[in-house]
C-alpha atoms as a PDB file:
ATOM      1  CA  UNK A   1       0.000   0.000   0.000  1.00  0.00           C
ATOM      2  CA  UNK A   2       2.900   2.366   0.750  1.00  0.00           C
ATOM      3  CA  UNK A   3       4.284   1.724  -2.716  1.00  0.00           C
ATOM      4  CA  UNK A   4       0.995   2.762  -4.299  1.00  0.00           C
ATOM      5  CA  UNK A   5       1.004   6.129  -2.538  1.00  0.00           C
ATOM      6  CA  UNK A   6       4.615   6.695  -3.514  1.00  0.00           C
ATOM      7  CA  UNK A   7       3.871   5.809  -7.144  1.00  0.00           C
ATOM      8  CA  UNK A   8       0.818   8.108  -7.212  1.00  0.00           C
ATOM      9  CA  UNK A   9       2.726  11.109  -5.839  1.00  0.00           C
ATOM     10  CA  UNK A  10       5.662  10.650  -8.209  1.00  0.00           C
ATOM     11  CA  UNK A  11       3.451  10.581 -11.295  1.00  0.00           C
ATOM     12  CA  UNK A  12       1.676  13.816 -10.298  1.00  0.00           C
ATOM     13  CA  UNK A  13       4.913  15.708  -9.641  1.00  0.00           C
ATOM     14  CA  UNK A  14       5.934  15.348 -13.306  1.00  0.00           C
ATOM     15  CA  UNK A  15       2.836  17.254 -14.393  1.00  0.00           C
ATOM     16  CA  UNK A  16       3.247  19.951 -11.788  1.00  0.00           C
ATOM     17  CA  UNK A  17       6.839  20.629 -12.844  1.00  0.00           C
ATOM     18  CA  UNK A  18       5.564  21.391 -16.351  1.00  0.00           C
ATOM     19  CA  UNK A  19       3.093  23.899 -14.895  1.00  0.00           C
ATOM     20  CA  UNK A  20       5.875  25.397 -12.808  1.00  0.00           C
ATOM     21  CA  UNK A  21       8.040  25.827 -15.899  1.00  0.00           C
ATOM     22  CA  UNK A  22       5.178  27.420 -17.847  1.00  0.00           C
ATOM     23  CA  UNK A  23       4.445  29.716 -14.900  1.00  0.00           C
ATOM     24  CA  UNK A  24       8.072  30.852 -14.733  1.00  0.00           C
ATOM     25  CA  UNK A  25       8.136  31.574 -18.474  1.00  0.00           C
ATOM     26  CA  UNK A  26       4.909  33.577 -18.227  1.00  0.00           C
ATOM     27  CA  UNK A  27       6.229  35.454 -15.175  1.00  0.00           C
ATOM     28  CA  UNK A  28       9.448  36.342 -17.007  1.00  0.00           C
ATOM     29  CA  UNK A  29       7.418  37.512 -20.020  1.00  0.00           C
ATOM     30  CA  UNK A  30       5.302  39.801 -17.861  1.00  0.00           C
ATOM     31  CA  UNK A  31       8.435  41.104 -16.124  1.00  0.00           C
ATOM     32  CA  UNK A  32      10.012  41.860 -19.508  1.00  0.00           C
ATOM     33  CA  UNK A  33       7.017  43.822 -20.824  1.00  0.00           C
ATOM     34  CA  UNK A  34       6.418  45.699 -17.567  1.00  0.00           C
ATOM     35  CA  UNK A  35       9.949  46.709 -16.540  1.00  0.00           C
ATOM     36  CA  UNK A  36      12.748  45.861 -18.979  1.00  0.00           C
ATOM     37  CA  UNK A  37      11.177  47.024 -22.243  1.00  0.00           C
ATOM     38  CA  UNK A  38      10.015  50.458 -20.995  1.00  0.00           C
ATOM     39  CA  UNK A  39      13.413  51.040 -19.351  1.00  0.00           C
ATOM     40  CA  UNK A  40      15.188  50.369 -22.645  1.00  0.00           C
ATOM     41  CA  UNK A  41      12.833  52.753 -24.422  1.00  0.00           C
ATOM     42  CA  UNK A  42      13.591  55.514 -21.873  1.00  0.00           C
ATOM     43  CA  UNK A  43      17.331  54.923 -22.282  1.00  0.00           C
ATOM     44  CA  UNK A  44      17.080  55.202 -26.064  1.00  0.00           C
ATOM     45  CA  UNK A  45      15.075  58.426 -25.792  1.00  0.00           C
ATOM     46  CA  UNK A  46      17.617  59.890 -23.347  1.00  0.00           C
ATOM     47  CA  UNK A  47      20.506  58.978 -25.677  1.00  0.00           C
ATOM     48  CA  UNK A  48      18.723  60.599 -28.612  1.00  0.00           C
ATOM     49  CA  UNK A  49      18.113  63.744 -26.547  1.00  0.00           C
ATOM     50  CA  UNK A  50      21.778  63.852 -25.514  1.00  0.00           C
ATOM     51  CA  UNK A  51      22.922  63.572 -29.137  1.00  0.00           C
ATOM     52  CA  UNK A  52      20.668  66.454 -30.245  1.00  0.00           C
ATOM     53  CA  UNK A  53      21.788  69.002 -27.617  1.00  0.00           C
ATOM     54  CA  UNK A  54      22.679  72.397 -29.074  1.00  0.00           C
ATOM     55  CA  UNK A  55      23.894  75.627 -27.427  1.00  0.00           C
ATOM     56  CA  UNK A  56      21.137  77.863 -26.081  1.00  0.00           C
ATOM     57  CA  UNK A  57      18.851  74.998 -25.107  1.00  0.00           C
ATOM     58  CA  UNK A  58      17.501  74.817 -21.544  1.00  0.00           C
ATOM     59  CA  UNK A  59      18.070  71.356 -20.008  1.00  0.00           C
ATOM     60  CA  UNK A  60      17.587  69.410 -16.776  1.00  0.00           C
ATOM     61  CA  UNK A  61      20.400  67.209 -15.493  1.00  0.00           C
ATOM     62  CA  UNK A  62      20.027  63.827 -13.850  1.00  0.00           C
ATOM     63  CA  UNK A  63      20.620  65.545 -10.496  1.00  0.00           C
ATOM     64  CA  UNK A  64      17.629  67.822 -11.121  1.00  0.00           C
ATOM     65  CA  UNK A  65      19.563  71.005 -11.895  1.00  0.00           C
ATOM     66  CA  UNK A  66      18.188  73.329 -14.559  1.00  0.00           C
ATOM     67  CA  UNK A  67      20.729  75.032 -16.795  1.00  0.00           C
ATOM     68  CA  UNK A  68      21.325  76.499 -20.247  1.00  0.00           C
ATOM     69  CA  UNK A  69      23.756  74.836 -22.657  1.00  0.00           C
ATOM     70  CA  UNK A  70      26.621  77.190 -23.512  1.00  0.00           C
ATOM     71  CA  UNK A  71      28.877  74.878 -25.549  1.00  0.00           C
ATOM     72  CA  UNK A  72      28.880  71.266 -26.700  1.00  0.00           C
ATOM     73  CA  UNK A  73      32.139  69.353 -26.900  1.00  0.00           C
ATOM     74  CA  UNK A  74      32.872  65.700 -27.687  1.00  0.00           C
ATOM     75  CA  UNK A  75      31.544  63.965 -24.548  1.00  0.00           C
ATOM     76  CA  UNK A  76      31.073  67.075 -22.407  1.00  0.00           C
ATOM     77  CA  UNK A  77      28.737  70.042 -22.318  1.00  0.00           C
ATOM     78  CA  UNK A  78      29.266  73.375 -20.640  1.00  0.00           C
ATOM     79  CA  UNK A  79      26.166  74.507 -18.792  1.00  0.00           C
ATOM     80  CA  UNK A  80      25.356  77.908 -17.369  1.00  0.00           C
ATOM     81  CA  UNK A  81      23.712  77.093 -14.046  1.00  0.00           C
ATOM     82  CA  UNK A  82      23.369  80.723 -12.926  1.00  0.00           C
ATOM     83  CA  UNK A  83      24.130  84.030 -14.636  1.00  0.00           C
ATOM     84  CA  UNK A  84      27.892  84.043 -15.144  1.00  0.00           C
ATOM     85  CA  UNK A  85      28.411  80.599 -13.529  1.00  0.00           C
ATOM     86  CA  UNK A  86      29.426  77.845 -15.942  1.00  0.00           C
ATOM     87  CA  UNK A  87      30.057  74.195 -15.150  1.00  0.00           C
ATOM     88  CA  UNK A  88      31.302  71.285 -17.234  1.00  0.00           C
ATOM     89  CA  UNK A  89      29.096  68.178 -17.262  1.00  0.00           C
ATOM     90  CA  UNK A  90      29.259  64.880 -19.061  1.00  0.00           C
ATOM     91  CA  UNK A  91      26.773  64.675 -21.893  1.00  0.00           C
ATOM     92  CA  UNK A  92      25.193  61.648 -20.162  1.00  0.00           C
ATOM     93  CA  UNK A  93      24.191  63.882 -17.242  1.00  0.00           C
ATOM     94  CA  UNK A  94      21.540  65.595 -19.382  1.00  0.00           C
ATOM     95  CA  UNK A  95      18.176  64.023 -18.638  1.00  0.00           C
ATOM     96  CA  UNK A  96      15.878  66.029 -20.889  1.00  0.00           C
ATOM     97  CA  UNK A  97      15.288  69.320 -22.655  1.00  0.00           C
ATOM     98  CA  UNK A  98      13.010  71.750 -20.834  1.00  0.00           C
ATOM     99  CA  UNK A  99      10.361  73.420 -23.004  1.00  0.00           C
ATOM    100  CA  UNK A 100      10.690  77.197 -23.234  1.00  0.00           C
ATOM    101  CA  UNK A 101       7.369  78.025 -21.556  1.00  0.00           C
ATOM    102  CA  UNK A 102       8.068  75.922 -18.427  1.00  0.00           C
ATOM    103  CA  UNK A 103      11.487  77.287 -17.548  1.00  0.00           C
ATOM    104  CA  UNK A 104      12.794  76.940 -14.019  1.00  0.00           C
ATOM    105  CA  UNK A 105      13.176  80.655 -13.354  1.00  0.00           C
ATOM    106  CA  UNK A 106      11.925  81.246  -9.856  1.00  0.00           C
ATOM    107  CA  UNK A 107      11.567  84.669  -8.316  1.00  0.00           C
ATOM    108  CA  UNK A 108      10.949  85.544  -4.716  1.00  0.00           C
ATOM    109  CA  UNK A 109       8.090  87.983  -4.335  1.00  0.00           C
ATOM    110  CA  UNK A 110       8.685  90.923  -2.032  1.00  0.00           C
ATOM    111  CA  UNK A 111       5.897  91.588   0.455  1.00  0.00           C
ATOM    112  CA  UNK A 112       3.397  94.171  -0.750  1.00  0.00           C
ATOM    113  CA  UNK A 113       3.138  95.834   2.650  1.00  0.00           C
ATOM    114  CA  UNK A 114       6.346  95.608   4.701  1.00  0.00           C
ATOM    115  CA  UNK A 115       4.544  96.920   7.776  1.00  0.00           C
ATOM    116  CA  UNK A 116       2.648  93.627   8.149  1.00  0.00           C
ATOM    117  CA  UNK A 117       5.861  91.979   9.298  1.00  0.00           C
ATOM    118  CA  UNK A 118       6.482  94.711  11.881  1.00  0.00           C
ATOM    119  CA  UNK A 119       3.080  94.009  13.442  1.00  0.00           C
ATOM    120  CA  UNK A 120       4.176  90.472  14.274  1.00  0.00           C
ATOM    121  CA  UNK A 121       7.183  91.835  16.148  1.00  0.00           C
ATOM    122  CA  UNK A 122       4.911  94.137  18.165  1.00  0.00           C
ATOM    123  CA  UNK A 123       2.895  91.138  19.393  1.00  0.00           C
ATOM    124  CA  UNK A 124       6.000  89.386  20.764  1.00  0.00           C
ATOM    125  CA  UNK A 125       6.388  89.363  24.563  1.00  0.00           C
ATOM    126  CA  UNK A 126       8.854  91.949  25.828  1.00  0.00           C
ATOM    127  CA  UNK A 127      10.145  89.964  28.807  1.00  0.00           C
ATOM    128  CA  UNK A 128      12.385  87.775  26.636  1.00  0.00           C
ATOM    129  CA  UNK A 129      10.181  84.684  26.725  1.00  0.00           C
ATOM    130  CA  UNK A 130       9.184  82.978  23.479  1.00  0.00           C
ATOM    131  CA  UNK A 131       5.861  81.236  23.122  1.00  0.00           C
END
């Protein structure tokens, strides 16, 4: 009787290994189409963008810095990161080109009424304690 149970379990394991193999192949296929293929497409687009860089273009680096391309050399680009401040970057550090209308020029607005800040100082306790 023990031999029958052993024979029955060994014959079923052959079928389940085929399902396991099919499952692994399907899982790898899904993994390829969900992660590997889109990553390759992004890399190809980034390489194409890096090849087409020209002076005067506003770009964003992989570190998130916005700058304007001043000069393009063999494998390097010279970027103006602030007015009068130039830095040399590898061409691979350019992530994408920033459209003209969404530039990263940020300005700090001055308060319209500077006296509103003085009122807050008047409300502070005069005995040196902070609340």
